[in-house]
C-alpha atoms as a PDB file:
ATOM      1  CA  MET A   1      37.168 -28.848  12.509  1.00  0.00           C
ATOM      2  CA  GLY A   2      39.458 -31.663  13.589  1.00  0.00           C
ATOM      3  CA  LEU A   3      36.647 -34.216  13.174  1.00  0.00           C
ATOM      4  CA  ILE A   4      35.978 -33.032   9.612  1.00  0.00           C
ATOM      5  CA  LEU A   5      39.650 -33.358   8.722  1.00  0.00           C
ATOM      6  CA  ASP A   6      39.754 -36.832  10.299  1.00  0.00           C
ATOM      7  CA  LEU A   7      36.713 -37.940   8.284  1.00  0.00           C
ATOM      8  CA  LEU A   8      37.842 -36.506   4.957  1.00  0.00           C
ATOM      9  CA  CYS A   9      41.620 -36.986   5.035  1.00  0.00           C
ATOM     10  CA  ASP A  10      43.656 -40.151   5.389  1.00  0.00           C
ATOM     11  CA  THR A  11      47.129 -38.814   6.128  1.00  0.00           C
ATOM     12  CA  THR A  12      48.633 -36.016   8.185  1.00  0.00           C
ATOM     13  CA  GLU A  13      49.922 -34.411   4.979  1.00  0.00           C
ATOM     14  CA  GLU A  14      46.399 -34.367   3.531  1.00  0.00           C
ATOM     15  CA  LYS A  15      45.055 -32.835   6.750  1.00  0.00           C
ATOM     16  CA  LEU A  16      47.675 -30.094   6.708  1.00  0.00           C
ATOM     17  CA  ALA A  17      46.944 -29.335   3.066  1.00  0.00           C
ATOM     18  CA  ALA A  18      43.174 -29.337   3.654  1.00  0.00           C
ATOM     19  CA  ARG A  19      43.455 -26.724   6.420  1.00  0.00           C
ATOM     20  CA  SER A  20      43.844 -24.068   3.725  1.00  0.00           C
ATOM     21  CA  VAL A  21      40.177 -24.652   2.842  1.00  0.00           C
ATOM     22  CA  PHE A  22      39.309 -23.147   6.239  1.00  0.00           C
ATOM     23  CA  ASP A  23      41.369 -19.991   5.823  1.00  0.00           C
ATOM     24  CA  PRO A  24      39.209 -16.873   6.368  1.00  0.00           C
ATOM     25  CA  GLN A  25      39.844 -15.826   2.735  1.00  0.00           C
ATOM     26  CA  ALA A  26      39.029 -19.267   1.295  1.00  0.00           C
ATOM     27  CA  PRO A  27      35.615 -19.385  -0.443  1.00  0.00           C
ATOM     28  CA  LEU A  28      33.781 -21.468   2.187  1.00  0.00           C
ATOM     29  CA  LEU A  29      34.330 -18.869   4.909  1.00  0.00           C
ATOM     30  CA  LYS A  30      34.778 -15.743   2.796  1.00  0.00           C
ATOM     31  CA  TYR A  31      31.371 -16.154   1.133  1.00  0.00           C
ATOM     32  CA  GLY A  32      29.594 -17.253   4.298  1.00  0.00           C
ATOM     33  CA  LEU A  33      28.858 -20.846   3.289  1.00  0.00           C
ATOM     34  CA  LEU A  34      30.396 -21.980   6.559  1.00  0.00           C
ATOM     35  CA  GLU A  35      30.937 -20.119   9.824  1.00  0.00           C
ATOM     36  CA  MET A  36      33.720 -20.957  12.224  1.00  0.00           C
ATOM     37  CA  THR A  37      32.661 -20.684  15.854  1.00  0.00           C
ATOM     38  CA  ASP A  38      34.623 -20.612  19.068  1.00  0.00           C
ATOM     39  CA  ASP A  39      32.798 -21.431  22.299  1.00  0.00           C
ATOM     40  CA  ARG A  40      35.609 -20.261  24.554  1.00  0.00           C
ATOM     41  CA  ALA A  41      35.194 -16.714  25.835  1.00  0.00           C
ATOM     42  CA  ASP A  42      38.513 -16.367  27.677  1.00  0.00           C
ATOM     43  CA  GLU A  43      40.935 -17.026  24.801  1.00  0.00           C
ATOM     44  CA  PRO A  44      40.567 -18.198  21.219  1.00  0.00           C
ATOM     45  CA  ALA A  45      40.560 -21.944  20.731  1.00  0.00           C
ATOM     46  CA  PRO A  46      43.165 -23.487  18.461  1.00  0.00           C
ATOM     47  CA  LEU A  47      42.006 -23.708  14.849  1.00  0.00           C
ATOM     48  CA  ILE A  48      41.687 -27.491  14.988  1.00  0.00           C
ATOM     49  CA  SER A  49      39.300 -27.227  17.996  1.00  0.00           C
ATOM     50  CA  ARG A  50      36.872 -24.743  16.490  1.00  0.00           C
ATOM     51  CA  CYS A  51      33.424 -25.747  15.302  1.00  0.00           C
ATOM     52  CA  LEU A  52      32.110 -25.314  11.789  1.00  0.00           C
ATOM     53  CA  LYS A  53      28.496 -24.430  11.111  1.00  0.00           C
ATOM     54  CA  ALA A  54      26.795 -24.337   7.743  1.00  0.00           C
ATOM     55  CA  ASP A  55      24.899 -21.120   7.022  1.00  0.00           C
ATOM     56  CA  ASP A  56      21.159 -21.694   7.599  1.00  0.00           C
ATOM     57  CA  ARG A  57      20.119 -20.058   4.304  1.00  0.00           C
ATOM     58  CA  ILE A  58      22.609 -22.143   2.324  1.00  0.00           C
ATOM     59  CA  VAL A  59      21.309 -25.328   3.983  1.00  0.00           C
ATOM     60  CA  SER A  60      17.732 -24.299   3.123  1.00  0.00           C
ATOM     61  CA  TYR A  61      18.784 -23.624  -0.474  1.00  0.00           C
ATOM     62  CA  LEU A  62      20.460 -27.029  -0.761  1.00  0.00           C
ATOM     63  CA  LEU A  63      17.270 -28.649   0.579  1.00  0.00           C
ATOM     64  CA  GLY A  64      15.198 -26.868  -2.074  1.00  0.00           C
ATOM     65  CA  MET A  65      13.534 -24.355   0.250  1.00  0.00           C
ATOM     66  CA  GLU A  66      13.135 -20.801  -0.982  1.00  0.00           C
ATOM     67  CA  GLN A  67      12.543 -18.985   2.298  1.00  0.00           C
ATOM     68  CA  MET A  68      14.517 -15.773   2.562  1.00  0.00           C
ATOM     69  CA  ASP A  69      17.427 -15.468   4.951  1.00  0.00           C
ATOM     70  CA  ARG A  70      15.896 -14.775   8.367  1.00  0.00           C
ATOM     71  CA  ARG A  71      18.304 -11.864   8.908  1.00  0.00           C
ATOM     72  CA  LEU A  72      16.429 -10.049   6.117  1.00  0.00           C
ATOM     73  CA  ASP A  73      12.885 -10.758   7.341  1.00  0.00           C
ATOM     74  CA  THR A  74      12.165  -7.261   8.648  1.00  0.00           C
ATOM     75  CA  MET A  75      13.769  -5.329   5.800  1.00  0.00           C
ATOM     76  CA  ALA A  76      13.040  -7.165   2.561  1.00  0.00           C
ATOM     77  CA  ARG A  77      10.201  -8.991   0.829  1.00  0.00           C
ATOM     78  CA  VAL A  78      10.026 -11.321  -2.142  1.00  0.00           C
ATOM     79  CA  PHE A  79       7.434 -10.815  -4.844  1.00  0.00           C
ATOM     80  CA  GLU A  80       6.789 -13.611  -7.289  1.00  0.00           C
ATOM     81  CA  PRO A  81       5.744 -12.683 -10.825  1.00  0.00           C
ATOM     82  CA  SER A  82       2.031 -12.889 -11.443  1.00  0.00           C
ATOM     83  CA  GLY A  83       0.002 -12.930 -14.613  1.00  0.00           C
ATOM     84  CA  GLU A  84      -1.888  -9.814 -13.580  1.00  0.00           C
ATOM     85  CA  TYR A  85      -2.025  -6.851 -15.917  1.00  0.00           C
ATOM     86  CA  SER A  86      -0.206  -3.762 -14.720  1.00  0.00           C
ATOM     87  CA  ALA A  87      -0.380  -0.205 -15.999  1.00  0.00           C
ATOM     88  CA  ALA A  88       3.391  -0.490 -16.426  1.00  0.00           C
ATOM     89  CA  SER A  89       2.706  -3.040 -19.203  1.00  0.00           C
ATOM     90  CA  ASP A  90       1.883  -0.036 -21.402  1.00  0.00           C
ATOM     91  CA  ASP A  91       4.909   1.961 -20.251  1.00  0.00           C
ATOM     92  CA  PRO A  92       7.012   2.864 -23.315  1.00  0.00           C
ATOM     93  CA  ARG A  93      10.162   2.189 -21.275  1.00  0.00           C
ATOM     94  CA  LEU A  94       9.248  -1.489 -20.732  1.00  0.00           C
ATOM     95  CA  PRO A  95      10.169  -2.835 -24.223  1.00  0.00           C
ATOM     96  CA  LYS A  96      13.491  -0.981 -24.056  1.00  0.00           C
ATOM     97  CA  LEU A  97      14.233  -2.407 -20.617  1.00  0.00           C
ATOM     98  CA  LEU A  98      13.326  -5.949 -21.715  1.00  0.00           C
ATOM     99  CA  ASP A  99      15.336  -5.649 -24.950  1.00  0.00           C
ATOM    100  CA  PHE A 100      18.358  -4.426 -23.020  1.00  0.00           C
ATOM    101  CA  ALA A 101      18.082  -7.201 -20.407  1.00  0.00           C
ATOM    102  CA  GLY A 102      17.661  -9.828 -23.137  1.00  0.00           C
ATOM    103  CA  TYR A 103      20.640  -8.481 -25.064  1.00  0.00           C
ATOM    104  CA  TYR A 104      22.826  -8.147 -21.973  1.00  0.00           C
ATOM    105  CA  PHE A 105      22.129 -11.576 -20.504  1.00  0.00           C
ATOM    106  CA  GLY A 106      21.970 -13.267 -23.892  1.00  0.00           C
ATOM    107  CA  ALA A 107      25.635 -12.524 -24.628  1.00  0.00           C
ATOM    108  CA  ALA A 108      27.980 -15.327 -23.549  1.00  0.00           C
ATOM    109  CA  GLU A 109      30.490 -12.961 -21.964  1.00  0.00           C
ATOM    110  CA  THR A 110      27.877 -11.324 -19.698  1.00  0.00           C
ATOM    111  CA  ALA A 111      25.493 -14.208 -18.964  1.00  0.00           C
ATOM    112  CA  GLU A 112      27.069 -14.925 -15.563  1.00  0.00           C
ATOM    113  CA  ARG A 113      27.527 -11.302 -14.518  1.00  0.00           C
ATOM    114  CA  SER A 114      25.272  -8.967 -12.601  1.00  0.00           C
ATOM    115  CA  LEU A 115      23.628  -5.884 -13.978  1.00  0.00           C
ATOM    116  CA  ILE A 116      22.881  -2.745 -11.999  1.00  0.00           C
ATOM    117  CA  LEU A 117      20.352  -0.253 -13.308  1.00  0.00           C
ATOM    118  CA  HIS A 118      19.568   3.044 -11.646  1.00  0.00           C
ATOM    119  CA  LEU A 119      15.998   4.147 -12.291  1.00  0.00           C
ATOM    120  CA  HIS A 120      15.633   7.836 -11.581  1.00  0.00           C
ATOM    121  CA  GLY A 121      12.462   9.782 -10.995  1.00  0.00           C
ATOM    122  CA  PRO A 122      10.248  11.251  -8.326  1.00  0.00           C
ATOM    123  CA  TYR A 123       8.205   9.156  -5.944  1.00  0.00           C
ATOM    124  CA  GLY A 124       5.155   7.823  -7.773  1.00  0.00           C
ATOM    125  CA  SER A 125       6.708   7.911 -11.244  1.00  0.00           C
ATOM    126  CA  GLY A 126       6.250   4.150 -11.724  1.00  0.00           C
ATOM    127  CA  LYS A 127       9.798   2.888 -11.221  1.00  0.00           C
ATOM    128  CA  ARG A 128       8.781  -0.031  -9.037  1.00  0.00           C
ATOM    129  CA  ALA A 129       5.794  -0.942 -11.215  1.00  0.00           C
ATOM    130  CA  LEU A 130       8.121  -0.969 -14.218  1.00  0.00           C
ATOM    131  CA  VAL A 131      10.560  -3.314 -12.449  1.00  0.00           C
ATOM    132  CA  GLU A 132       7.736  -5.593 -11.246  1.00  0.00           C
ATOM    133  CA  THR A 133       6.347  -5.836 -14.781  1.00  0.00           C
ATOM    134  CA  ALA A 134       9.799  -6.508 -16.240  1.00  0.00           C
ATOM    135  CA  CYS A 135      10.343  -9.294 -13.674  1.00  0.00           C
ATOM    136  CA  ARG A 136       6.981 -10.805 -14.602  1.00  0.00           C
ATOM    137  CA  GLU A 137       7.932 -10.723 -18.297  1.00  0.00           C
ATOM    138  CA  LEU A 138      11.351 -12.222 -17.549  1.00  0.00           C
ATOM    139  CA  GLY A 139       9.873 -14.865 -15.214  1.00  0.00           C
ATOM    140  CA  ILE A 140      12.042 -13.972 -12.219  1.00  0.00           C
ATOM    141  CA  SER A 141      11.245 -12.963  -8.649  1.00  0.00           C
ATOM    142  CA  LEU A 142      11.651  -9.449  -7.315  1.00  0.00           C
ATOM    143  CA  ILE A 143      13.213  -8.756  -3.932  1.00  0.00           C
ATOM    144  CA  VAL A 144      12.356  -5.338  -2.517  1.00  0.00           C
ATOM    145  CA  GLY A 145      14.707  -4.100   0.189  1.00  0.00           C
ATOM    146  CA  ASP A 146      14.003  -1.185   2.526  1.00  0.00           C
ATOM    147  CA  ILE A 147      17.165   0.907   2.793  1.00  0.00           C
ATOM    148  CA  ARG A 148      15.881   2.872   5.795  1.00  0.00           C
ATOM    149  CA  LYS A 149      15.403  -0.323   7.782  1.00  0.00           C
ATOM    150  CA  MET A 150      18.797  -1.612   6.644  1.00  0.00           C
ATOM    151  CA  ILE A 151      20.518   1.553   7.862  1.00  0.00           C
ATOM    152  CA  ARG A 152      18.719   1.426  11.240  1.00  0.00           C
ATOM    153  CA  SER A 153      19.487  -2.261  11.770  1.00  0.00           C
ATOM    154  CA  GLU A 154      22.036  -3.445  14.321  1.00  0.00           C
ATOM    155  CA  SER A 155      23.727  -5.416  11.537  1.00  0.00           C
ATOM    156  CA  SER A 156      26.046  -3.545   9.232  1.00  0.00           C
ATOM    157  CA  PHE A 157      24.543  -2.122   6.054  1.00  0.00           C
ATOM    158  CA  GLU A 158      27.303  -3.787   4.016  1.00  0.00           C
ATOM    159  CA  ARG A 159      26.502  -7.221   5.470  1.00  0.00           C
ATOM    160  CA  LEU A 160      22.774  -6.810   4.808  1.00  0.00           C
ATOM    161  CA  ALA A 161      23.413  -5.615   1.246  1.00  0.00           C
ATOM    162  CA  TRP A 162      25.638  -8.653   0.704  1.00  0.00           C
ATOM    163  CA  LEU A 163      22.915 -10.964   2.031  1.00  0.00           C
ATOM    164  CA  LEU A 164      20.368  -9.359  -0.307  1.00  0.00           C
ATOM    165  CA  ALA A 165      22.698  -9.775  -3.270  1.00  0.00           C
ATOM    166  CA  ARG A 166      23.281 -13.415  -2.321  1.00  0.00           C
ATOM    167  CA  GLU A 167      19.526 -13.921  -2.103  1.00  0.00           C
ATOM    168  CA  THR A 168      19.113 -12.655  -5.667  1.00  0.00           C
ATOM    169  CA  ALA A 169      21.685 -15.173  -6.864  1.00  0.00           C
ATOM    170  CA  LEU A 170      20.084 -18.103  -5.035  1.00  0.00           C
ATOM    171  CA  ARG A 171      16.576 -17.518  -6.429  1.00  0.00           C
ATOM    172  CA  PRO A 172      17.336 -15.942  -9.165  1.00  0.00           C
ATOM    173  CA  ALA A 173      15.722 -12.563  -8.681  1.00  0.00           C
ATOM    174  CA  ALA A 174      16.044  -8.867  -9.332  1.00  0.00           C
ATOM    175  CA  LEU A 175      16.778  -6.547  -6.407  1.00  0.00           C
ATOM    176  CA  TYR A 176      14.946  -3.257  -5.968  1.00  0.00           C
ATOM    177  CA  LEU A 177      16.113  -0.922  -3.201  1.00  0.00           C
END
């Protein structure tokens, strides 16, 4: 971190002020854009001596690559919309879902917000087909996450859910769990 401060700041006062950017609650670290690492196992290194690493998925995104975060490889898949006909295209719920999504995201006060919909019904009732068809109509990707695999993972469920949500923002995409 000291090298970064030396490269970006001219004076000691600027360096001291810039350290707040590396606070754990500052956006770069809080949202996982950067990770602070410490190679010393015996005792924590001073803040100025720690290394900064850019998150691999964020680097890929900045380079224009759309591969999913590798931590999600075994528990989520991305489906791109296709022009194929689906039986859900005739589902009477589809126009209502599309009208609602268009209304919700068309309003200036909600355009930058997320929307969570809970589709309820027994297995095989067409929930996923409905979402896939809606994504095709809206021209967005669909990320399907497997909750069972997320729960069984060594990583925390909360962290994996956060990574999935971040993935939907980077693409953009809908998330189906």
